[in-house]
Amino acid sequence: MGTLTFKVTTTLVSSKIQSLKEKRNADKLRNTYDEIVNELLSKREQAIRIAQAYKEEYEKVHIDDKDIEYLHNTLERVISLLSSFTSVEDGKEDSMK
């Protein structure tokens, strides 16, 4: 009977000690999860701030129809100018042959 009581008590004490260790591990695990969640929330907030800053900068830029027409005409003249240089260069190469 004494041996049985000792075994039961030892098992009970061991069980409680294991429970305490698991609780500590659970606390550590919970703390680790809390740190991970807090870090993710922080990164999310940072990403939102960056996105809002980009959006504000994007909204500051306004190109109206006059600007687009001006850019179109400028590019048209540049292409025309470059193509005339290309024609001149081709002519020089032909005359050198």
PDB file of N, CA and C in Angstrom:
ATOM      1  N   MET A   1       0.830  -1.191   0.000  1.00  0.00           N
ATOM      2  CA  MET A   1       0.000   0.000   0.000  1.00  0.00           C
ATOM      3  C   MET A   1       0.870   1.248   0.000  1.00  0.00           C
ATOM      4  N   GLY A   2       1.918   1.276   0.801  1.00  0.00           N
ATOM      5  CA  GLY A   2       2.837   2.409   0.870  1.00  0.00           C
ATOM      6  C   GLY A   2       3.507   2.649  -0.469  1.00  0.00           C
ATOM      7  N   THR A   3       3.912   1.550  -1.129  1.00  0.00           N
ATOM      8  CA  THR A   3       4.576   1.675  -2.427  1.00  0.00           C
ATOM      9  C   THR A   3       3.602   2.219  -3.453  1.00  0.00           C
ATOM     10  N   LEU A   4       2.379   1.739  -3.391  1.00  0.00           N
ATOM     11  CA  LEU A   4       1.357   2.209  -4.320  1.00  0.00           C
ATOM     12  C   LEU A   4       1.079   3.690  -4.097  1.00  0.00           C
ATOM     13  N   THR A   5       0.974   4.111  -2.842  1.00  0.00           N
ATOM     14  CA  THR A   5       0.744   5.518  -2.522  1.00  0.00           C
ATOM     15  C   THR A   5       1.910   6.362  -2.995  1.00  0.00           C
ATOM     16  N   PHE A   6       3.137   5.865  -2.818  1.00  0.00           N
ATOM     17  CA  PHE A   6       4.334   6.573  -3.265  1.00  0.00           C
ATOM     18  C   PHE A   6       4.316   6.749  -4.786  1.00  0.00           C
ATOM     19  N   LYS A   7       3.957   5.663  -5.493  1.00  0.00           N
ATOM     20  CA  LYS A   7       3.912   5.713  -6.955  1.00  0.00           C
ATOM     21  C   LYS A   7       2.843   6.706  -7.430  1.00  0.00           C
ATOM     22  N   VAL A   8       1.690   6.674  -6.789  1.00  0.00           N
ATOM     23  CA  VAL A   8       0.606   7.581  -7.161  1.00  0.00           C
ATOM     24  C   VAL A   8       1.023   9.018  -6.890  1.00  0.00           C
ATOM     25  N   THR A   9       1.619   9.262  -5.715  1.00  0.00           N
ATOM     26  CA  THR A   9       2.071  10.603  -5.363  1.00  0.00           C
ATOM     27  C   THR A   9       3.152  11.070  -6.331  1.00  0.00           C
ATOM     28  N   THR A  10       4.104  10.189  -6.638  1.00  0.00           N
ATOM     29  CA  THR A  10       5.178  10.526  -7.572  1.00  0.00           C
ATOM     30  C   THR A  10       4.597  10.846  -8.942  1.00  0.00           C
ATOM     31  N   THR A  11       3.658  10.060  -9.370  1.00  0.00           N
ATOM     32  CA  THR A  11       3.021  10.295 -10.661  1.00  0.00           C
ATOM     33  C   THR A  11       2.274  11.625 -10.657  1.00  0.00           C
ATOM     34  N   LEU A  12       1.576  11.884  -9.557  1.00  0.00           N
ATOM     35  CA  LEU A  12       0.825  13.126  -9.421  1.00  0.00           C
ATOM     36  C   LEU A  12       1.764  14.323  -9.439  1.00  0.00           C
ATOM     37  N   VAL A  13       2.859  14.226  -8.662  1.00  0.00           N
ATOM     38  CA  VAL A  13       3.842  15.321  -8.614  1.00  0.00           C
ATOM     39  C   VAL A  13       4.495  15.494  -9.982  1.00  0.00           C
ATOM     40  N   SER A  14       4.874  14.401 -10.600  1.00  0.00           N
ATOM     41  CA  SER A  14       5.486  14.469 -11.939  1.00  0.00           C
ATOM     42  C   SER A  14       4.525  15.090 -12.933  1.00  0.00           C
ATOM     43  N   SER A  15       3.269  14.717 -12.825  1.00  0.00           N
ATOM     44  CA  SER A  15       2.253  15.262 -13.705  1.00  0.00           C
ATOM     45  C   SER A  15       2.110  16.768 -13.516  1.00  0.00           C
ATOM     46  N   LYS A  16       2.121  17.200 -12.252  1.00  0.00           N
ATOM     47  CA  LYS A  16       2.006  18.626 -11.976  1.00  0.00           C
ATOM     48  C   LYS A  16       3.244  19.378 -12.467  1.00  0.00           C
ATOM     49  N   ILE A  17       4.426  18.793 -12.272  1.00  0.00           N
ATOM     50  CA  ILE A  17       5.660  19.421 -12.750  1.00  0.00           C
ATOM     51  C   ILE A  17       5.634  19.528 -14.273  1.00  0.00           C
ATOM     52  N   GLN A  18       5.219  18.467 -14.932  1.00  0.00           N
ATOM     53  CA  GLN A  18       5.121  18.480 -16.391  1.00  0.00           C
ATOM     54  C   GLN A  18       4.111  19.532 -16.848  1.00  0.00           C
ATOM     55  N   SER A  19       3.008  19.616 -16.100  1.00  0.00           N
ATOM     56  CA  SER A  19       1.984  20.609 -16.421  1.00  0.00           C
ATOM     57  C   SER A  19       2.556  22.018 -16.305  1.00  0.00           C
ATOM     58  N   LEU A  20       3.361  22.249 -15.248  1.00  0.00           N
ATOM     59  CA  LEU A  20       4.003  23.554 -15.081  1.00  0.00           C
ATOM     60  C   LEU A  20       4.976  23.837 -16.222  1.00  0.00           C
ATOM     61  N   LYS A  21       5.756  22.834 -16.622  1.00  0.00           N
ATOM     62  CA  LYS A  21       6.690  23.006 -17.738  1.00  0.00           C
ATOM     63  C   LYS A  21       5.922  23.315 -19.015  1.00  0.00           C
ATOM     64  N   GLU A  22       4.837  22.580 -19.230  1.00  0.00           N
ATOM     65  CA  GLU A  22       4.035  22.826 -20.417  1.00  0.00           C
ATOM     66  C   GLU A  22       3.421  24.215 -20.382  1.00  0.00           C
ATOM     67  N   LYS A  23       3.021  24.630 -19.178  1.00  0.00           N
ATOM     68  CA  LYS A  23       2.452  25.965 -19.043  1.00  0.00           C
ATOM     69  C   LYS A  23       3.509  27.005 -19.380  1.00  0.00           C
ATOM     70  N   ARG A  24       4.733  26.804 -18.894  1.00  0.00           N
ATOM     71  CA  ARG A  24       5.820  27.728 -19.223  1.00  0.00           C
ATOM     72  C   ARG A  24       6.075  27.714 -20.723  1.00  0.00           C
ATOM     73  N   ASN A  25       6.088  26.513 -21.291  1.00  0.00           N
ATOM     74  CA  ASN A  25       6.277  26.413 -22.735  1.00  0.00           C
ATOM     75  C   ASN A  25       5.115  27.080 -23.474  1.00  0.00           C
ATOM     76  N   ALA A  26       3.919  26.887 -22.939  1.00  0.00           N
ATOM     77  CA  ALA A  26       2.750  27.509 -23.553  1.00  0.00           C
ATOM     78  C   ALA A  26       2.857  29.030 -23.451  1.00  0.00           C
ATOM     79  N   ASP A  27       3.340  29.512 -22.290  1.00  0.00           N
ATOM     80  CA  ASP A  27       3.530  30.954 -22.123  1.00  0.00           C
ATOM     81  C   ASP A  27       4.587  31.472 -23.097  1.00  0.00           C
ATOM     82  N   LYS A  28       5.671  30.729 -23.224  1.00  0.00           N
ATOM     83  CA  LYS A  28       6.716  31.131 -24.171  1.00  0.00           C
ATOM     84  C   LYS A  28       6.184  31.111 -25.592  1.00  0.00           C
ATOM     85  N   LEU A  29       5.429  30.063 -25.890  1.00  0.00           N
ATOM     86  CA  LEU A  29       4.848  29.934 -27.211  1.00  0.00           C
ATOM     87  C   LEU A  29       3.865  31.070 -27.472  1.00  0.00           C
ATOM     88  N   ARG A  30       3.046  31.369 -26.490  1.00  0.00           N
ATOM     89  CA  ARG A  30       2.085  32.465 -26.610  1.00  0.00           C
ATOM     90  C   ARG A  30       2.816  33.787 -26.816  1.00  0.00           C
ATOM     91  N   ASN A  31       3.882  34.008 -26.043  1.00  0.00           N
ATOM     92  CA  ASN A  31       4.659  35.233 -26.195  1.00  0.00           C
ATOM     93  C   ASN A  31       5.295  35.328 -27.579  1.00  0.00           C
ATOM     94  N   THR A  32       5.790  34.199 -28.063  1.00  0.00           N
ATOM     95  CA  THR A  32       6.382  34.179 -29.409  1.00  0.00           C
ATOM     96  C   THR A  32       5.325  34.496 -30.456  1.00  0.00           C
ATOM     97  N   TYR A  33       4.156  33.884 -30.331  1.00  0.00           N
ATOM     98  CA  TYR A  33       3.072  34.173 -31.268  1.00  0.00           C
ATOM     99  C   TYR A  33       2.668  35.643 -31.195  1.00  0.00           C
ATOM    100  N   ASP A  34       2.593  36.176 -29.980  1.00  0.00           N
ATOM    101  CA  ASP A  34       2.255  37.593 -29.823  1.00  0.00           C
ATOM    102  C   ASP A  34       3.287  38.475 -30.514  1.00  0.00           C
ATOM    103  N   GLU A  35       4.563  38.143 -30.373  1.00  0.00           N
ATOM    104  CA  GLU A  35       5.618  38.916 -31.037  1.00  0.00           C
ATOM    105  C   GLU A  35       5.462  38.842 -32.558  1.00  0.00           C
ATOM    106  N   ILE A  36       5.181  37.644 -33.063  1.00  0.00           N
ATOM    107  CA  ILE A  36       5.008  37.463 -34.509  1.00  0.00           C
ATOM    108  C   ILE A  36       3.823  38.280 -35.011  1.00  0.00           C
ATOM    109  N   VAL A  37       2.702  38.192 -34.303  1.00  0.00           N
ATOM    110  CA  VAL A  37       1.500  38.927 -34.705  1.00  0.00           C
ATOM    111  C   VAL A  37       1.759  40.428 -34.653  1.00  0.00           C
ATOM    112  N   ASN A  38       2.411  40.900 -33.599  1.00  0.00           N
ATOM    113  CA  ASN A  38       2.703  42.327 -33.479  1.00  0.00           C
ATOM    114  C   ASN A  38       3.631  42.793 -34.598  1.00  0.00           C
ATOM    115  N   GLU A  39       4.615  41.984 -34.938  1.00  0.00           N
ATOM    116  CA  GLU A  39       5.537  42.322 -36.026  1.00  0.00           C
ATOM    117  C   GLU A  39       4.789  42.384 -37.361  1.00  0.00           C
ATOM    118  N   LEU A  40       3.905  41.410 -37.597  1.00  0.00           N
ATOM    119  CA  LEU A  40       3.122  41.419 -38.828  1.00  0.00           C
ATOM    120  C   LEU A  40       2.199  42.633 -38.904  1.00  0.00           C
ATOM    121  N   LEU A  41       1.585  42.979 -37.782  1.00  0.00           N
ATOM    122  CA  LEU A  41       0.722  44.163 -37.757  1.00  0.00           C
ATOM    123  C   LEU A  41       1.528  45.430 -38.019  1.00  0.00           C
ATOM    124  N   SER A  42       2.720  45.488 -37.459  1.00  0.00           N
ATOM    125  CA  SER A  42       3.600  46.634 -37.681  1.00  0.00           C
ATOM    126  C   SER A  42       3.985  46.747 -39.157  1.00  0.00           C
ATOM    127  N   LYS A  43       4.353  45.617 -39.761  1.00  0.00           N
ATOM    128  CA  LYS A  43       4.720  45.608 -41.183  1.00  0.00           C
ATOM    129  C   LYS A  43       3.528  46.015 -42.042  1.00  0.00           C
ATOM    130  N   ARG A  44       2.346  45.561 -41.664  1.00  0.00           N
ATOM    131  CA  ARG A  44       1.133  45.911 -42.416  1.00  0.00           C
ATOM    132  C   ARG A  44       0.891  47.416 -42.349  1.00  0.00           C
ATOM    133  N   GLU A  45       1.006  47.988 -41.147  1.00  0.00           N
ATOM    134  CA  GLU A  45       0.808  49.428 -40.989  1.00  0.00           C
ATOM    135  C   GLU A  45       1.835  50.210 -41.805  1.00  0.00           C
ATOM    136  N   GLN A  46       3.072  49.733 -41.812  1.00  0.00           N
ATOM    137  CA  GLN A  46       4.125  50.383 -42.588  1.00  0.00           C
ATOM    138  C   GLN A  46       3.806  50.317 -44.085  1.00  0.00           C
ATOM    139  N   ALA A  47       3.353  49.167 -44.551  1.00  0.00           N
ATOM    140  CA  ALA A  47       3.002  49.012 -45.960  1.00  0.00           C
ATOM    141  C   ALA A  47       1.838  49.934 -46.340  1.00  0.00           C
ATOM    142  N   ILE A  48       0.873  50.071 -45.453  1.00  0.00           N
ATOM    143  CA  ILE A  48      -0.265  50.962 -45.708  1.00  0.00           C
ATOM    144  C   ILE A  48       0.210  52.407 -45.794  1.00  0.00           C
ATOM    145  N   ARG A  49       1.103  52.813 -44.887  1.00  0.00           N
ATOM    146  CA  ARG A  49       1.634  54.186 -44.923  1.00  0.00           C
ATOM    147  C   ARG A  49       2.380  54.451 -46.230  1.00  0.00           C
ATOM    148  N   ILE A  50       3.187  53.485 -46.660  1.00  0.00           N
ATOM    149  CA  ILE A  50       3.938  53.641 -47.913  1.00  0.00           C
ATOM    150  C   ILE A  50       2.981  53.737 -49.092  1.00  0.00           C
ATOM    151  N   ALA A  51       1.977  52.880 -49.116  1.00  0.00           N
ATOM    152  CA  ALA A  51       1.004  52.897 -50.207  1.00  0.00           C
ATOM    153  C   ALA A  51       0.253  54.226 -50.245  1.00  0.00           C
ATOM    154  N   GLN A  52      -0.096  54.749 -49.082  1.00  0.00           N
ATOM    155  CA  GLN A  52      -0.799  56.029 -49.035  1.00  0.00           C
ATOM    156  C   GLN A  52       0.098  57.162 -49.534  1.00  0.00           C
ATOM    157  N   ALA A  53       1.383  57.113 -49.192  1.00  0.00           N
ATOM    158  CA  ALA A  53       2.319  58.140 -49.663  1.00  0.00           C
ATOM    159  C   ALA A  53       2.440  58.090 -51.183  1.00  0.00           C
ATOM    160  N   TYR A  54       2.553  56.883 -51.743  1.00  0.00           N
ATOM    161  CA  TYR A  54       2.617  56.747 -53.200  1.00  0.00           C
ATOM    162  C   TYR A  54       1.330  57.245 -53.851  1.00  0.00           C
ATOM    163  N   LYS A  55       0.208  56.926 -53.247  1.00  0.00           N
ATOM    164  CA  LYS A  55      -1.078  57.360 -53.801  1.00  0.00           C
ATOM    165  C   LYS A  55      -1.170  58.881 -53.808  1.00  0.00           C
ATOM    166  N   GLU A  56      -0.730  59.514 -52.720  1.00  0.00           N
ATOM    167  CA  GLU A  56      -0.761  60.975 -52.647  1.00  0.00           C
ATOM    168  C   GLU A  56       0.126  61.588 -53.729  1.00  0.00           C
ATOM    169  N   GLU A  57       1.314  61.020 -53.937  1.00  0.00           N
ATOM    170  CA  GLU A  57       2.213  61.522 -54.974  1.00  0.00           C
ATOM    171  C   GLU A  57       1.619  61.313 -56.363  1.00  0.00           C
ATOM    172  N   TYR A  58       1.003  60.175 -56.574  1.00  0.00           N
ATOM    173  CA  TYR A  58       0.372  59.869 -57.854  1.00  0.00           C
ATOM    174  C   TYR A  58      -0.753  60.861 -58.156  1.00  0.00           C
ATOM    175  N   GLU A  59      -1.541  61.164 -57.137  1.00  0.00           N
ATOM    176  CA  GLU A  59      -2.668  62.062 -57.327  1.00  0.00           C
ATOM    177  C   GLU A  59      -2.229  63.506 -57.567  1.00  0.00           C
ATOM    178  N   LYS A  60      -1.006  63.855 -57.191  1.00  0.00           N
ATOM    179  CA  LYS A  60      -0.490  65.204 -57.429  1.00  0.00           C
ATOM    180  C   LYS A  60      -0.203  65.430 -58.916  1.00  0.00           C
ATOM    181  N   VAL A  61       0.112  64.354 -59.627  1.00  0.00           N
ATOM    182  CA  VAL A  61       0.456  64.466 -61.038  1.00  0.00           C
ATOM    183  C   VAL A  61      -0.828  64.528 -61.854  1.00  0.00           C
ATOM    184  N   HIS A  62      -0.900  65.574 -62.685  1.00  0.00           N
ATOM    185  CA  HIS A  62      -2.077  65.712 -63.538  1.00  0.00           C
ATOM    186  C   HIS A  62      -1.607  66.058 -64.941  1.00  0.00           C
ATOM    187  N   ILE A  63      -1.986  65.250 -65.888  1.00  0.00           N
ATOM    188  CA  ILE A  63      -1.651  65.501 -67.287  1.00  0.00           C
ATOM    189  C   ILE A  63      -2.962  65.717 -68.021  1.00  0.00           C
ATOM    190  N   ASP A  64      -3.126  66.939 -68.542  1.00  0.00           N
ATOM    191  CA  ASP A  64      -4.365  67.211 -69.273  1.00  0.00           C
ATOM    192  C   ASP A  64      -4.146  66.983 -70.767  1.00  0.00           C
ATOM    193  N   ASP A  65      -5.191  67.207 -71.549  1.00  0.00           N
ATOM    194  CA  ASP A  65      -5.138  66.942 -72.990  1.00  0.00           C
ATOM    195  C   ASP A  65      -4.098  67.803 -73.696  1.00  0.00           C
ATOM    196  N   LYS A  66      -3.918  69.057 -73.237  1.00  0.00           N
ATOM    197  CA  LYS A  66      -2.915  69.934 -73.849  1.00  0.00           C
ATOM    198  C   LYS A  66      -1.514  69.352 -73.683  1.00  0.00           C
ATOM    199  N   ASP A  67      -1.231  68.831 -72.483  1.00  0.00           N
ATOM    200  CA  ASP A  67       0.082  68.238 -72.223  1.00  0.00           C
ATOM    201  C   ASP A  67       0.322  67.022 -73.117  1.00  0.00           C
ATOM    202  N   ILE A  68      -0.691  66.206 -73.272  1.00  0.00           N
ATOM    203  CA  ILE A  68      -0.562  65.010 -74.101  1.00  0.00           C
ATOM    204  C   ILE A  68      -0.345  65.406 -75.563  1.00  0.00           C
ATOM    205  N   GLU A  69      -1.078  66.408 -76.018  1.00  0.00           N
ATOM    206  CA  GLU A  69      -0.904  66.871 -77.397  1.00  0.00           C
ATOM    207  C   GLU A  69       0.508  67.433 -77.601  1.00  0.00           C
ATOM    208  N   TYR A  70       1.000  68.200 -76.635  1.00  0.00           N
ATOM    209  CA  TYR A  70       2.351  68.750 -76.725  1.00  0.00           C
ATOM    210  C   TYR A  70       3.394  67.630 -76.788  1.00  0.00           C
ATOM    211  N   LEU A  71       3.267  66.644 -75.922  1.00  0.00           N
ATOM    212  CA  LEU A  71       4.201  65.508 -75.935  1.00  0.00           C
ATOM    213  C   LEU A  71       4.142  64.763 -77.266  1.00  0.00           C
ATOM    214  N   HIS A  72       2.948  64.584 -77.791  1.00  0.00           N
ATOM    215  CA  HIS A  72       2.775  63.887 -79.069  1.00  0.00           C
ATOM    216  C   HIS A  72       3.481  64.649 -80.194  1.00  0.00           C
ATOM    217  N   ASN A  73       3.255  65.950 -80.245  1.00  0.00           N
ATOM    218  CA  ASN A  73       3.882  66.763 -81.294  1.00  0.00           C
ATOM    219  C   ASN A  73       5.406  66.770 -81.164  1.00  0.00           C
ATOM    220  N   THR A  74       5.892  66.862 -79.942  1.00  0.00           N
ATOM    221  CA  THR A  74       7.340  66.857 -79.718  1.00  0.00           C
ATOM    222  C   THR A  74       7.952  65.540 -80.164  1.00  0.00           C
ATOM    223  N   LEU A  75       7.347  64.451 -79.802  1.00  0.00           N
ATOM    224  CA  LEU A  75       7.859  63.145 -80.221  1.00  0.00           C
ATOM    225  C   LEU A  75       7.799  62.983 -81.734  1.00  0.00           C
ATOM    226  N   GLU A  76       6.753  63.484 -82.331  1.00  0.00           N
ATOM    227  CA  GLU A  76       6.622  63.405 -83.779  1.00  0.00           C
ATOM    228  C   GLU A  76       7.778  64.149 -84.464  1.00  0.00           C
ATOM    229  N   ARG A  77       8.126  65.344 -83.954  1.00  0.00           N
ATOM    230  CA  ARG A  77       9.229  66.116 -84.525  1.00  0.00           C
ATOM    231  C   ARG A  77      10.566  65.424 -84.300  1.00  0.00           C
ATOM    232  N   VAL A  78      10.766  64.847 -83.117  1.00  0.00           N
ATOM    233  CA  VAL A  78      12.017  64.142 -82.820  1.00  0.00           C
ATOM    234  C   VAL A  78      12.183  62.945 -83.743  1.00  0.00           C
ATOM    235  N   ILE A  79      11.133  62.194 -83.933  1.00  0.00           N
ATOM    236  CA  ILE A  79      11.193  61.021 -84.816  1.00  0.00           C
ATOM    237  C   ILE A  79      11.474  61.459 -86.248  1.00  0.00           C
ATOM    238  N   SER A  80      10.833  62.511 -86.672  1.00  0.00           N
ATOM    239  CA  SER A  80      11.066  63.028 -88.023  1.00  0.00           C
ATOM    240  C   SER A  80      12.516  63.476 -88.182  1.00  0.00           C
ATOM    241  N   LEU A  81      13.043  64.163 -87.200  1.00  0.00           N
ATOM    242  CA  LEU A  81      14.431  64.632 -87.220  1.00  0.00           C
ATOM    243  C   LEU A  81      15.397  63.451 -87.244  1.00  0.00           C
ATOM    244  N   LEU A  82      15.156  62.468 -86.413  1.00  0.00           N
ATOM    245  CA  LEU A  82      16.025  61.289 -86.373  1.00  0.00           C
ATOM    246  C   LEU A  82      15.959  60.499 -87.680  1.00  0.00           C
ATOM    247  N   SER A  83      14.792  60.418 -88.263  1.00  0.00           N
ATOM    248  CA  SER A  83      14.685  59.677 -89.523  1.00  0.00           C
ATOM    249  C   SER A  83      15.409  60.416 -90.648  1.00  0.00           C
ATOM    250  N   SER A  84      15.445  61.744 -90.600  1.00  0.00           N
ATOM    251  CA  SER A  84      16.185  62.487 -91.629  1.00  0.00           C
ATOM    252  C   SER A  84      17.687  62.247 -91.468  1.00  0.00           C
ATOM    253  N   PHE A  85      18.175  62.152 -90.239  1.00  0.00           N
ATOM    254  CA  PHE A  85      19.590  61.845 -90.024  1.00  0.00           C
ATOM    255  C   PHE A  85      19.917  60.438 -90.514  1.00  0.00           C
ATOM    256  N   THR A  86      19.007  59.532 -90.310  1.00  0.00           N
ATOM    257  CA  THR A  86      19.217  58.164 -90.759  1.00  0.00           C
ATOM    258  C   THR A  86      19.295  58.123 -92.284  1.00  0.00           C
ATOM    259  N   SER A  87      18.462  58.888 -92.960  1.00  0.00           N
ATOM    260  CA  SER A  87      18.482  58.941 -94.423  1.00  0.00           C
ATOM    261  C   SER A  87      19.798  59.515 -94.916  1.00  0.00           C
ATOM    262  N   VAL A  88      20.311  60.551 -94.248  1.00  0.00           N
ATOM    263  CA  VAL A  88      21.588  61.170 -94.625  1.00  0.00           C
ATOM    264  C   VAL A  88      22.723  60.172 -94.434  1.00  0.00           C
ATOM    265  N   GLU A  89      22.724  59.456 -93.311  1.00  0.00           N
ATOM    266  CA  GLU A  89      23.767  58.474 -93.041  1.00  0.00           C
ATOM    267  C   GLU A  89      23.737  57.351 -94.072  1.00  0.00           C
ATOM    268  N   ASP A  90      22.547  56.904 -94.473  1.00  0.00           N
ATOM    269  CA  ASP A  90      22.423  55.856 -95.482  1.00  0.00           C
ATOM    270  C   ASP A  90      22.984  56.341 -96.811  1.00  0.00           C
ATOM    271  N   GLY A  91      22.728  57.599 -97.140  1.00  0.00           N
ATOM    272  CA  GLY A  91      23.228  58.179 -98.384  1.00  0.00           C
ATOM    273  C   GLY A  91      24.743  58.250 -98.391  1.00  0.00           C
ATOM    274  N   LYS A  92      25.367  58.585 -97.266  1.00  0.00           N
ATOM    275  CA  LYS A  92      26.820  58.655 -97.184  1.00  0.00           C
ATOM    276  C   LYS A  92      27.437  57.288 -97.366  1.00  0.00           C
ATOM    277  N   GLU A  93      26.831  56.267 -96.773  1.00  0.00           N
ATOM    278  CA  GLU A  93      27.349  54.911 -96.898  1.00  0.00           C
ATOM    279  C   GLU A  93      27.273  54.452 -98.364  1.00  0.00           C
ATOM    280  N   ASP A  94      26.180  54.774 -99.051  1.00  0.00           N
ATOM    281  CA  ASP A  94      26.014  54.388-100.464  1.00  0.00           C
ATOM    282  C   ASP A  94      27.056  55.084-101.328  1.00  0.00           C
ATOM    283  N   SER A  95      27.361  56.363-101.033  1.00  0.00           N
ATOM    284  CA  SER A  95      28.322  57.100-101.861  1.00  0.00           C
ATOM    285  C   SER A  95      29.746  56.638-101.614  1.00  0.00           C
ATOM    286  N   MET A  96      30.040  56.008-100.488  1.00  0.00           N
ATOM    287  CA  MET A  96      31.377  55.525-100.180  1.00  0.00           C
ATOM    288  C   MET A  96      31.672  54.216-100.876  1.00  0.00           C
ATOM    289  N   LYS A  97      30.681  53.538-101.366  1.00  0.00           N
ATOM    290  CA  LYS A  97      30.870  52.221-101.985  1.00  0.00           C
ATOM    291  C   LYS A  97      31.392  52.332-103.369  1.00  0.00           C
TER     292      LYS A  97
END
